[in-house]
Amino acid sequence: MMTDCLALMGHMSWLGWLMPLAVLALLGLGIAALLKYLFTSTKPTTGASS
């Protein structure tokens, strides 16, 4: 299966290599943003807030 995937990526020239890298980069950024959202504690605000 890996050889079929690499052959298809090679047949599509640069776009075949750009698309999986872009998807992996976006997935990594999404996971990093989710982890940051989950593990950063929101400090309670004191005083008046509008």
N, C-alpha and C. Protein backbone atom coordinates (compact mmCIF):
# COMPACT_ATOMS: atom_id res chain seq x y z
N MET A 1 0.83 -1.19 0.00
CA MET A 1 0.00 0.00 0.00
C MET A 1 0.87 1.26 0.00
N MET A 2 1.99 1.19 0.72
CA MET A 2 2.86 2.35 0.78
C MET A 2 3.46 2.65 -0.60
N THR A 3 3.80 1.62 -1.35
CA THR A 3 4.38 1.86 -2.68
C THR A 3 3.35 2.45 -3.62
N ASP A 4 2.10 2.02 -3.49
CA ASP A 4 1.03 2.60 -4.32
C ASP A 4 0.85 4.08 -4.00
N CYS A 5 0.89 4.39 -2.71
CA CYS A 5 0.72 5.79 -2.30
C CYS A 5 1.89 6.64 -2.81
N LEU A 6 3.11 6.12 -2.68
CA LEU A 6 4.27 6.88 -3.15
C LEU A 6 4.26 7.03 -4.67
N ALA A 7 3.79 5.99 -5.37
CA ALA A 7 3.72 6.09 -6.82
C ALA A 7 2.69 7.13 -7.24
N LEU A 8 1.56 7.18 -6.55
CA LEU A 8 0.54 8.18 -6.86
C LEU A 8 1.05 9.58 -6.55
N MET A 9 1.77 9.73 -5.44
CA MET A 9 2.31 11.04 -5.08
C MET A 9 3.36 11.48 -6.09
N GLY A 10 4.17 10.54 -6.57
CA GLY A 10 5.17 10.88 -7.56
C GLY A 10 4.54 11.24 -8.90
N HIS A 11 3.43 10.62 -9.21
CA HIS A 11 2.74 10.90 -10.48
C HIS A 11 2.11 12.28 -10.47
N MET A 12 1.71 12.77 -9.30
CA MET A 12 1.05 14.07 -9.20
C MET A 12 2.04 15.23 -9.08
N SER A 13 3.32 14.97 -9.21
CA SER A 13 4.40 15.95 -9.11
C SER A 13 4.38 16.64 -7.75
N TRP A 14 4.59 17.95 -7.72
CA TRP A 14 4.75 18.65 -6.43
C TRP A 14 3.48 18.71 -5.61
N LEU A 15 2.33 18.68 -6.28
CA LEU A 15 1.06 18.77 -5.54
C LEU A 15 0.83 17.52 -4.71
N GLY A 16 1.29 16.39 -5.22
CA GLY A 16 1.14 15.14 -4.47
C GLY A 16 1.94 15.11 -3.19
N TRP A 17 3.00 15.89 -3.13
CA TRP A 17 3.78 15.96 -1.90
C TRP A 17 3.32 17.11 -1.01
N LEU A 18 2.78 18.14 -1.60
CA LEU A 18 2.37 19.31 -0.83
C LEU A 18 1.09 19.03 -0.03
N MET A 19 0.15 18.34 -0.62
CA MET A 19 -1.13 18.12 0.04
C MET A 19 -1.00 17.31 1.35
N PRO A 20 -0.32 16.16 1.35
CA PRO A 20 -0.20 15.43 2.64
C PRO A 20 0.58 16.22 3.68
N LEU A 21 1.60 16.95 3.26
CA LEU A 21 2.35 17.76 4.22
C LEU A 21 1.49 18.87 4.80
N ALA A 22 0.65 19.47 3.96
CA ALA A 22 -0.24 20.53 4.43
C ALA A 22 -1.27 19.97 5.41
N VAL A 23 -1.79 18.80 5.11
CA VAL A 23 -2.78 18.17 6.00
C VAL A 23 -2.14 17.82 7.33
N LEU A 24 -0.93 17.27 7.30
CA LEU A 24 -0.25 16.93 8.55
C LEU A 24 0.09 18.18 9.36
N ALA A 25 0.49 19.25 8.67
CA ALA A 25 0.79 20.49 9.38
C ALA A 25 -0.46 21.07 10.03
N LEU A 26 -1.57 21.08 9.31
CA LEU A 26 -2.81 21.60 9.89
C LEU A 26 -3.30 20.73 11.04
N LEU A 27 -3.13 19.42 10.91
CA LEU A 27 -3.52 18.51 11.98
C LEU A 27 -2.67 18.76 13.22
N GLY A 28 -1.37 18.93 13.02
CA GLY A 28 -0.50 19.20 14.15
C GLY A 28 -0.82 20.52 14.83
N LEU A 29 -1.10 21.56 14.03
CA LEU A 29 -1.47 22.84 14.62
C LEU A 29 -2.79 22.75 15.37
N GLY A 30 -3.73 21.97 14.84
CA GLY A 30 -5.01 21.80 15.52
C GLY A 30 -4.86 21.08 16.84
N ILE A 31 -4.01 20.05 16.86
CA ILE A 31 -3.78 19.32 18.10
C ILE A 31 -3.06 20.20 19.11
N ALA A 32 -2.09 20.99 18.64
CA ALA A 32 -1.37 21.89 19.54
C ALA A 32 -2.32 22.94 20.13
N ALA A 33 -3.21 23.47 19.31
CA ALA A 33 -4.16 24.46 19.81
C ALA A 33 -5.13 23.84 20.81
N LEU A 34 -5.55 22.60 20.54
CA LEU A 34 -6.46 21.93 21.46
C LEU A 34 -5.77 21.66 22.79
N LEU A 35 -4.53 21.20 22.75
CA LEU A 35 -3.80 20.93 23.99
C LEU A 35 -3.56 22.22 24.77
N LYS A 36 -3.25 23.29 24.06
CA LYS A 36 -3.06 24.57 24.75
C LYS A 36 -4.35 25.03 25.40
N TYR A 37 -5.47 24.84 24.70
CA TYR A 37 -6.76 25.24 25.25
C TYR A 37 -7.12 24.40 26.47
N LEU A 38 -6.79 23.10 26.42
CA LEU A 38 -7.16 22.23 27.53
C LEU A 38 -6.26 22.42 28.75
N PHE A 39 -4.99 22.70 28.54
CA PHE A 39 -4.05 22.71 29.65
C PHE A 39 -3.70 24.09 30.18
N THR A 40 -4.17 25.13 29.55
CA THR A 40 -3.95 26.46 30.12
C THR A 40 -5.12 26.77 31.02
N SER A 41 -4.79 27.12 32.24
CA SER A 41 -5.84 27.40 33.21
C SER A 41 -6.28 28.85 33.07
N THR A 42 -7.56 29.04 33.13
CA THR A 42 -8.09 30.41 33.09
C THR A 42 -8.08 30.96 34.51
N LYS A 43 -7.40 32.07 34.68
CA LYS A 43 -7.32 32.66 36.00
C LYS A 43 -8.61 33.45 36.28
N PRO A 44 -9.14 33.30 37.46
CA PRO A 44 -10.36 34.05 37.77
C PRO A 44 -10.06 35.54 37.83
N THR A 45 -10.92 36.30 37.21
CA THR A 45 -10.73 37.75 37.19
C THR A 45 -11.36 38.34 38.44
N THR A 46 -10.63 39.25 39.03
CA THR A 46 -11.17 39.93 40.20
C THR A 46 -11.46 41.37 39.81
N GLY A 47 -12.45 41.93 40.45
CA GLY A 47 -12.83 43.31 40.13
C GLY A 47 -13.92 43.37 39.10
N ALA A 48 -14.19 44.57 38.67
CA ALA A 48 -15.26 44.78 37.70
C ALA A 48 -14.75 44.49 36.30
N SER A 49 -15.53 43.74 35.57
CA SER A 49 -15.18 43.48 34.18
C SER A 49 -16.39 43.78 33.32
N SER A 50 -16.14 44.40 32.21
CA SER A 50 -17.26 44.80 31.35
C SER A 50 -17.55 43.74 30.32
